[in-house]
Amino acid sequence: MSIVILISGRGSNMQAILDAGLPVSAVISNKRGAAGLAIASGRGIPTAVVQGNDYGTREGFDAALAAEVARHSPAAVALAGFMRILTQRFVTRYADRLLNIHPSLLPSFTGLNTHERALAAGVKVHGCTVHFVTAELDHGPIVAQAAVPVLQGDTADELAARVLRQEHRIYPQALRWLLEGKLSVVDGLVQVKEPDAQQTLFSEQP
């Protein structure tokens, strides 16, 4: 029972997963220069690179990525700042095992630049979401969310830093539930088979 983590950059959520003591069998990046690869290697985690421009099509890339993931027979696949949109075929192959962490309170602010967009919209509460991955971008069933207050005078970087701290709290927990077989999706809604499971967290005021 292990996790394969997919990254594109520094891998801060990857580090949170490792720090939580969860079993990780490999870290795979779509970028050769991703800083998270060196961090994973330093912790004795096998790493690999499947780079998009080495393949002629999205389908070719996803097939190569799926083959590399399959080498490790994971119980879960965690997207941790993985900046590629996966094909339907890949998502279907890992259905019910594929989780993502997104820096907004979905369904609000799907896609990129979530913190800037939250500030521009004037929302008073922002946060992050762990969800199952489906073919529709940032629209899979929600496993857990954490909320943070938006403060007067916030910059996007300040808001992002507070949200990131909450990402590091909820993502390892959601993955632990998945590995332990405690997650199920009923009519599009995620249920946790654990008494008093906290699927919604609120940060302390700064």
C-alpha atoms as a PDB file:
ATOM      1  CA  MET A   1       0.000   0.000   0.000  1.00  0.00           C
ATOM      2  CA  SER A   2       1.934   3.010  -1.243  1.00  0.00           C
ATOM      3  CA  ILE A   3       1.642   6.377  -2.970  1.00  0.00           C
ATOM      4  CA  VAL A   4       3.202   7.629  -6.177  1.00  0.00           C
ATOM      5  CA  ILE A   5       3.517  11.418  -6.131  1.00  0.00           C
ATOM      6  CA  LEU A   6       3.482  13.493  -9.323  1.00  0.00           C
ATOM      7  CA  ILE A   7       5.185  16.895  -9.197  1.00  0.00           C
ATOM      8  CA  SER A   8       6.286  19.694 -11.500  1.00  0.00           C
ATOM      9  CA  GLY A   9       8.228  21.968  -9.144  1.00  0.00           C
ATOM     10  CA  ARG A  10       9.484  22.352  -5.607  1.00  0.00           C
ATOM     11  CA  GLY A  11       7.210  19.694  -4.151  1.00  0.00           C
ATOM     12  CA  SER A  12       6.191  21.320  -0.859  1.00  0.00           C
ATOM     13  CA  ASN A  13       3.085  19.151  -0.622  1.00  0.00           C
ATOM     14  CA  MET A  14       5.270  16.160  -1.480  1.00  0.00           C
ATOM     15  CA  GLN A  15       7.434  17.059   1.511  1.00  0.00           C
ATOM     16  CA  ALA A  16       4.353  17.313   3.732  1.00  0.00           C
ATOM     17  CA  ILE A  17       3.303  13.823   2.643  1.00  0.00           C
ATOM     18  CA  LEU A  18       6.775  12.462   3.380  1.00  0.00           C
ATOM     19  CA  ASP A  19       6.919  14.286   6.726  1.00  0.00           C
ATOM     20  CA  ALA A  20       3.602  12.673   7.672  1.00  0.00           C
ATOM     21  CA  GLY A  21       5.248   9.264   7.374  1.00  0.00           C
ATOM     22  CA  LEU A  22       3.034   8.021   4.562  1.00  0.00           C
ATOM     23  CA  PRO A  23       4.488   5.244   2.379  1.00  0.00           C
ATOM     24  CA  VAL A  24       5.754   6.731  -0.899  1.00  0.00           C
ATOM     25  CA  SER A  25       7.143   4.348  -3.512  1.00  0.00           C
ATOM     26  CA  ALA A  26       8.160   6.947  -6.132  1.00  0.00           C
ATOM     27  CA  VAL A  27       8.123  10.614  -7.108  1.00  0.00           C
ATOM     28  CA  ILE A  28       7.662  11.366 -10.807  1.00  0.00           C
ATOM     29  CA  SER A  29       8.033  14.756 -12.465  1.00  0.00           C
ATOM     30  CA  ASN A  30       7.176  16.066 -15.907  1.00  0.00           C
ATOM     31  CA  LYS A  31      10.126  18.486 -15.616  1.00  0.00           C
ATOM     32  CA  ARG A  32      13.747  17.408 -15.367  1.00  0.00           C
ATOM     33  CA  GLY A  33      14.701  20.433 -13.304  1.00  0.00           C
ATOM     34  CA  ALA A  34      11.972  20.083 -10.675  1.00  0.00           C
ATOM     35  CA  ALA A  35      13.488  20.889  -7.274  1.00  0.00           C
ATOM     36  CA  GLY A  36      11.346  18.255  -5.586  1.00  0.00           C
ATOM     37  CA  LEU A  37      13.229  15.450  -7.340  1.00  0.00           C
ATOM     38  CA  ALA A  38      16.434  16.203  -5.438  1.00  0.00           C
ATOM     39  CA  ILE A  39      14.518  16.399  -2.172  1.00  0.00           C
ATOM     40  CA  ALA A  40      12.875  13.031  -2.791  1.00  0.00           C
ATOM     41  CA  SER A  41      16.175  11.436  -3.809  1.00  0.00           C
ATOM     42  CA  GLY A  42      17.764  12.789  -0.655  1.00  0.00           C
ATOM     43  CA  ARG A  43      15.177  10.900   1.340  1.00  0.00           C
ATOM     44  CA  GLY A  44      15.818   7.679  -0.513  1.00  0.00           C
ATOM     45  CA  ILE A  45      12.663   7.819  -2.640  1.00  0.00           C
ATOM     46  CA  PRO A  46      13.012   6.533  -6.230  1.00  0.00           C
ATOM     47  CA  THR A  47      12.426   9.281  -8.800  1.00  0.00           C
ATOM     48  CA  ALA A  48      11.727   9.452 -12.516  1.00  0.00           C
ATOM     49  CA  VAL A  49      11.085  12.056 -15.192  1.00  0.00           C
ATOM     50  CA  VAL A  50       8.469  11.755 -17.924  1.00  0.00           C
ATOM     51  CA  GLN A  51       8.768  15.005 -19.847  1.00  0.00           C
ATOM     52  CA  GLY A  52       5.922  16.152 -22.047  1.00  0.00           C
ATOM     53  CA  ASN A  53       7.943  17.461 -24.967  1.00  0.00           C
ATOM     54  CA  ASP A  54       9.585  14.048 -25.378  1.00  0.00           C
ATOM     55  CA  TYR A  55       6.256  12.798 -26.760  1.00  0.00           C
ATOM     56  CA  GLY A  56       4.327  13.945 -29.789  1.00  0.00           C
ATOM     57  CA  THR A  57       0.862  13.972 -28.235  1.00  0.00           C
ATOM     58  CA  ARG A  58      -0.886  14.289 -24.891  1.00  0.00           C
ATOM     59  CA  GLU A  59      -1.952  10.680 -25.297  1.00  0.00           C
ATOM     60  CA  GLY A  60       1.632   9.576 -25.827  1.00  0.00           C
ATOM     61  CA  PHE A  61       2.792  11.448 -22.749  1.00  0.00           C
ATOM     62  CA  ASP A  62      -0.015  10.071 -20.594  1.00  0.00           C
ATOM     63  CA  ALA A  63       0.671   6.521 -21.772  1.00  0.00           C
ATOM     64  CA  ALA A  64       4.328   6.870 -20.807  1.00  0.00           C
ATOM     65  CA  LEU A  65       3.389   8.429 -17.469  1.00  0.00           C
ATOM     66  CA  ALA A  66       0.871   5.674 -16.743  1.00  0.00           C
ATOM     67  CA  ALA A  67       3.477   3.024 -17.537  1.00  0.00           C
ATOM     68  CA  GLU A  68       5.970   4.630 -15.144  1.00  0.00           C
ATOM     69  CA  VAL A  69       3.356   4.906 -12.398  1.00  0.00           C
ATOM     70  CA  ALA A  70       2.297   1.278 -12.943  1.00  0.00           C
ATOM     71  CA  ARG A  71       5.858   0.090 -12.284  1.00  0.00           C
ATOM     72  CA  HIS A  72       5.285   0.895  -8.621  1.00  0.00           C
ATOM     73  CA  SER A  73       1.766  -0.606  -8.268  1.00  0.00           C
ATOM     74  CA  PRO A  74       0.506   2.235  -6.077  1.00  0.00           C
ATOM     75  CA  ALA A  75      -2.644   2.190  -4.018  1.00  0.00           C
ATOM     76  CA  ALA A  76      -2.896   5.957  -4.530  1.00  0.00           C
ATOM     77  CA  VAL A  77      -1.556   8.583  -6.932  1.00  0.00           C
ATOM     78  CA  ALA A  78      -1.151  12.101  -5.536  1.00  0.00           C
ATOM     79  CA  LEU A  79      -0.896  15.176  -7.733  1.00  0.00           C
ATOM     80  CA  ALA A  80       1.244  17.658  -5.811  1.00  0.00           C
ATOM     81  CA  GLY A  81       1.698  20.739  -7.937  1.00  0.00           C
ATOM     82  CA  PHE A  82       1.614  18.632 -11.095  1.00  0.00           C
ATOM     83  CA  MET A  83       1.021  21.152 -13.860  1.00  0.00           C
ATOM     84  CA  ARG A  84      -0.370  18.933 -16.594  1.00  0.00           C
ATOM     85  CA  ILE A  85      -3.980  18.228 -17.533  1.00  0.00           C
ATOM     86  CA  LEU A  86      -4.352  14.462 -17.701  1.00  0.00           C
ATOM     87  CA  THR A  87      -6.302  12.642 -20.389  1.00  0.00           C
ATOM     88  CA  GLN A  88      -9.533  10.769 -19.795  1.00  0.00           C
ATOM     89  CA  ARG A  89      -7.699   7.479 -20.309  1.00  0.00           C
ATOM     90  CA  PHE A  90      -5.207   8.177 -17.535  1.00  0.00           C
ATOM     91  CA  VAL A  91      -7.887   9.417 -15.148  1.00  0.00           C
ATOM     92  CA  THR A  92     -10.049   6.369 -15.822  1.00  0.00           C
ATOM     93  CA  ARG A  93      -7.118   4.009 -15.254  1.00  0.00           C
ATOM     94  CA  TYR A  94      -6.558   5.448 -11.779  1.00  0.00           C
ATOM     95  CA  ALA A  95     -10.159   6.239 -10.912  1.00  0.00           C
ATOM     96  CA  ASP A  96     -10.820   6.264  -7.159  1.00  0.00           C
ATOM     97  CA  ARG A  97      -7.057   6.285  -6.514  1.00  0.00           C
ATOM     98  CA  LEU A  98      -6.122   9.713  -7.927  1.00  0.00           C
ATOM     99  CA  LEU A  99      -6.178  12.769  -5.643  1.00  0.00           C
ATOM    100  CA  ASN A 100      -5.276  16.410  -6.196  1.00  0.00           C
ATOM    101  CA  ILE A 101      -4.766  19.417  -3.932  1.00  0.00           C
ATOM    102  CA  HIS A 102      -6.087  22.697  -5.342  1.00  0.00           C
ATOM    103  CA  PRO A 103      -5.459  26.160  -3.835  1.00  0.00           C
ATOM    104  CA  SER A 104      -9.043  27.379  -3.598  1.00  0.00           C
ATOM    105  CA  LEU A 105     -12.345  26.400  -2.055  1.00  0.00           C
ATOM    106  CA  LEU A 106     -13.755  24.515  -4.998  1.00  0.00           C
ATOM    107  CA  PRO A 107     -15.927  24.917  -6.974  1.00  0.00           C
ATOM    108  CA  SER A 108     -14.723  28.544  -6.798  1.00  0.00           C
ATOM    109  CA  PHE A 109     -11.588  29.566  -8.696  1.00  0.00           C
ATOM    110  CA  THR A 110     -10.735  26.508 -10.718  1.00  0.00           C
ATOM    111  CA  GLY A 111      -7.554  26.674 -12.780  1.00  0.00           C
ATOM    112  CA  LEU A 112      -4.590  29.010 -12.223  1.00  0.00           C
ATOM    113  CA  ASN A 113      -3.878  32.240 -10.304  1.00  0.00           C
ATOM    114  CA  THR A 114      -6.401  31.396  -7.612  1.00  0.00           C
ATOM    115  CA  HIS A 115      -5.071  33.773  -4.956  1.00  0.00           C
ATOM    116  CA  GLU A 116      -4.980  36.798  -7.250  1.00  0.00           C
ATOM    117  CA  ARG A 117      -8.506  35.996  -8.438  1.00  0.00           C
ATOM    118  CA  ALA A 118      -9.782  35.559  -4.882  1.00  0.00           C
ATOM    119  CA  LEU A 119      -8.430  38.985  -3.923  1.00  0.00           C
ATOM    120  CA  ALA A 120      -9.846  40.579  -7.057  1.00  0.00           C
ATOM    121  CA  ALA A 121     -13.263  39.074  -6.295  1.00  0.00           C
ATOM    122  CA  GLY A 122     -13.210  40.451  -2.764  1.00  0.00           C
ATOM    123  CA  VAL A 123     -13.963  37.126  -1.057  1.00  0.00           C
ATOM    124  CA  LYS A 124     -13.540  37.108   2.709  1.00  0.00           C
ATOM    125  CA  VAL A 125     -12.732  33.392   3.004  1.00  0.00           C
ATOM    126  CA  HIS A 126     -10.311  31.477   0.823  1.00  0.00           C
ATOM    127  CA  GLY A 127      -8.616  28.108   1.174  1.00  0.00           C
ATOM    128  CA  CYS A 128      -7.746  24.788  -0.408  1.00  0.00           C
ATOM    129  CA  THR A 129      -9.429  21.565  -1.478  1.00  0.00           C
ATOM    130  CA  VAL A 130      -8.429  17.924  -1.776  1.00  0.00           C
ATOM    131  CA  HIS A 131     -10.518  16.182  -4.410  1.00  0.00           C
ATOM    132  CA  PHE A 132     -10.677  13.083  -6.532  1.00  0.00           C
ATOM    133  CA  VAL A 133      -9.469  13.765 -10.052  1.00  0.00           C
ATOM    134  CA  THR A 134     -11.890  13.468 -12.952  1.00  0.00           C
ATOM    135  CA  ALA A 135     -11.569  14.395 -16.615  1.00  0.00           C
ATOM    136  CA  GLU A 136     -13.119  17.804 -15.871  1.00  0.00           C
ATOM    137  CA  LEU A 137     -10.466  20.159 -14.508  1.00  0.00           C
ATOM    138  CA  ASP A 138     -10.767  20.774 -10.743  1.00  0.00           C
ATOM    139  CA  HIS A 139     -14.274  19.351 -10.541  1.00  0.00           C
ATOM    140  CA  GLY A 140     -13.909  15.923  -8.894  1.00  0.00           C
ATOM    141  CA  PRO A 141     -15.669  14.887  -5.660  1.00  0.00           C
ATOM    142  CA  ILE A 142     -14.383  16.878  -2.683  1.00  0.00           C
ATOM    143  CA  VAL A 143     -12.610  14.941   0.070  1.00  0.00           C
ATOM    144  CA  ALA A 144     -11.571  17.764   2.402  1.00  0.00           C
ATOM    145  CA  GLN A 145     -11.286  21.536   2.550  1.00  0.00           C
ATOM    146  CA  ALA A 146      -9.504  24.061   4.754  1.00  0.00           C
ATOM    147  CA  ALA A 147     -10.491  27.709   4.998  1.00  0.00           C
ATOM    148  CA  VAL A 148      -8.426  30.778   5.821  1.00  0.00           C
ATOM    149  CA  PRO A 149      -9.554  34.373   6.334  1.00  0.00           C
ATOM    150  CA  VAL A 150      -8.740  36.960   3.692  1.00  0.00           C
ATOM    151  CA  LEU A 151      -7.284  39.925   5.554  1.00  0.00           C
ATOM    152  CA  GLN A 152      -7.462  43.570   4.653  1.00  0.00           C
ATOM    153  CA  GLY A 153      -4.354  44.526   2.708  1.00  0.00           C
ATOM    154  CA  ASP A 154      -3.440  40.934   1.848  1.00  0.00           C
ATOM    155  CA  THR A 155      -1.123  40.374  -1.072  1.00  0.00           C
ATOM    156  CA  ALA A 156      -1.430  37.267  -3.215  1.00  0.00           C
ATOM    157  CA  ASP A 157       1.838  35.945  -1.760  1.00  0.00           C
ATOM    158  CA  GLU A 158       0.696  36.458   1.834  1.00  0.00           C
ATOM    159  CA  LEU A 159      -2.606  34.742   1.150  1.00  0.00           C
ATOM    160  CA  ALA A 160      -0.892  31.914  -0.724  1.00  0.00           C
ATOM    161  CA  ALA A 161       1.435  31.264   2.222  1.00  0.00           C
ATOM    162  CA  ARG A 162      -1.468  30.914   4.652  1.00  0.00           C
ATOM    163  CA  VAL A 163      -3.327  28.621   2.272  1.00  0.00           C
ATOM    164  CA  LEU A 164      -0.220  26.495   1.714  1.00  0.00           C
ATOM    165  CA  ARG A 165       0.088  25.806   5.434  1.00  0.00           C
ATOM    166  CA  GLN A 166      -3.432  24.378   5.342  1.00  0.00           C
ATOM    167  CA  GLU A 167      -2.651  22.324   2.233  1.00  0.00           C
ATOM    168  CA  HIS A 168       0.090  20.645   4.238  1.00  0.00           C
ATOM    169  CA  ARG A 169      -2.471  19.760   6.921  1.00  0.00           C
ATOM    170  CA  ILE A 170      -5.270  18.294   4.860  1.00  0.00           C
ATOM    171  CA  TYR A 171      -3.500  16.509   2.007  1.00  0.00           C
ATOM    172  CA  PRO A 172      -1.640  13.905   4.108  1.00  0.00           C
ATOM    173  CA  GLN A 173      -4.825  13.211   6.060  1.00  0.00           C
ATOM    174  CA  ALA A 174      -6.885  12.697   2.917  1.00  0.00           C
ATOM    175  CA  LEU A 175      -4.262  10.347   1.493  1.00  0.00           C
ATOM    176  CA  ARG A 176      -4.148   8.399   4.746  1.00  0.00           C
ATOM    177  CA  TRP A 177      -7.922   7.918   4.554  1.00  0.00           C
ATOM    178  CA  LEU A 178      -7.576   6.694   0.983  1.00  0.00           C
ATOM    179  CA  LEU A 179      -4.830   4.200   1.840  1.00  0.00           C
ATOM    180  CA  GLU A 180      -6.863   2.914   4.777  1.00  0.00           C
ATOM    181  CA  GLY A 181      -9.901   2.338   2.549  1.00  0.00           C
ATOM    182  CA  LYS A 182     -11.985   4.893   4.432  1.00  0.00           C
ATOM    183  CA  LEU A 183     -13.151   6.961   1.452  1.00  0.00           C
ATOM    184  CA  SER A 184     -16.184   6.237  -0.679  1.00  0.00           C
ATOM    185  CA  VAL A 185     -18.093   8.314  -3.219  1.00  0.00           C
ATOM    186  CA  VAL A 186     -21.886   8.094  -3.045  1.00  0.00           C
ATOM    187  CA  ASP A 187     -23.940  10.136  -5.522  1.00  0.00           C
ATOM    188  CA  GLY A 188     -20.914  12.327  -6.210  1.00  0.00           C
ATOM    189  CA  LEU A 189     -20.240  13.076  -2.531  1.00  0.00           C
ATOM    190  CA  VAL A 190     -17.304  11.756  -0.526  1.00  0.00           C
ATOM    191  CA  GLN A 191     -17.962   9.918   2.710  1.00  0.00           C
ATOM    192  CA  VAL A 192     -15.300   9.051   5.292  1.00  0.00           C
ATOM    193  CA  LYS A 193     -15.695   5.828   7.220  1.00  0.00           C
ATOM    194  CA  GLU A 194     -14.238   7.203  10.411  1.00  0.00           C
ATOM    195  CA  PRO A 195     -16.035   8.606  13.458  1.00  0.00           C
ATOM    196  CA  ASP A 196     -15.614  12.358  13.838  1.00  0.00           C
ATOM    197  CA  ALA A 197     -13.593  12.665  10.626  1.00  0.00           C
ATOM    198  CA  GLN A 198     -12.805  16.333   9.984  1.00  0.00           C
ATOM    199  CA  GLN A 199     -13.384  17.036   6.318  1.00  0.00           C
ATOM    200  CA  THR A 200     -13.558  20.786   6.937  1.00  0.00           C
ATOM    201  CA  LEU A 201     -10.807  22.659   8.761  1.00  0.00           C
ATOM    202  CA  PHE A 202     -10.535  26.315   9.673  1.00  0.00           C
ATOM    203  CA  SER A 203      -7.199  27.991  10.275  1.00  0.00           C
ATOM    204  CA  GLU A 204      -6.548  29.969  13.384  1.00  0.00           C
ATOM    205  CA  GLN A 205      -6.637  33.707  12.957  1.00  0.00           C
ATOM    206  CA  PRO A 206      -3.132  34.968  12.177  1.00  0.00           C
END
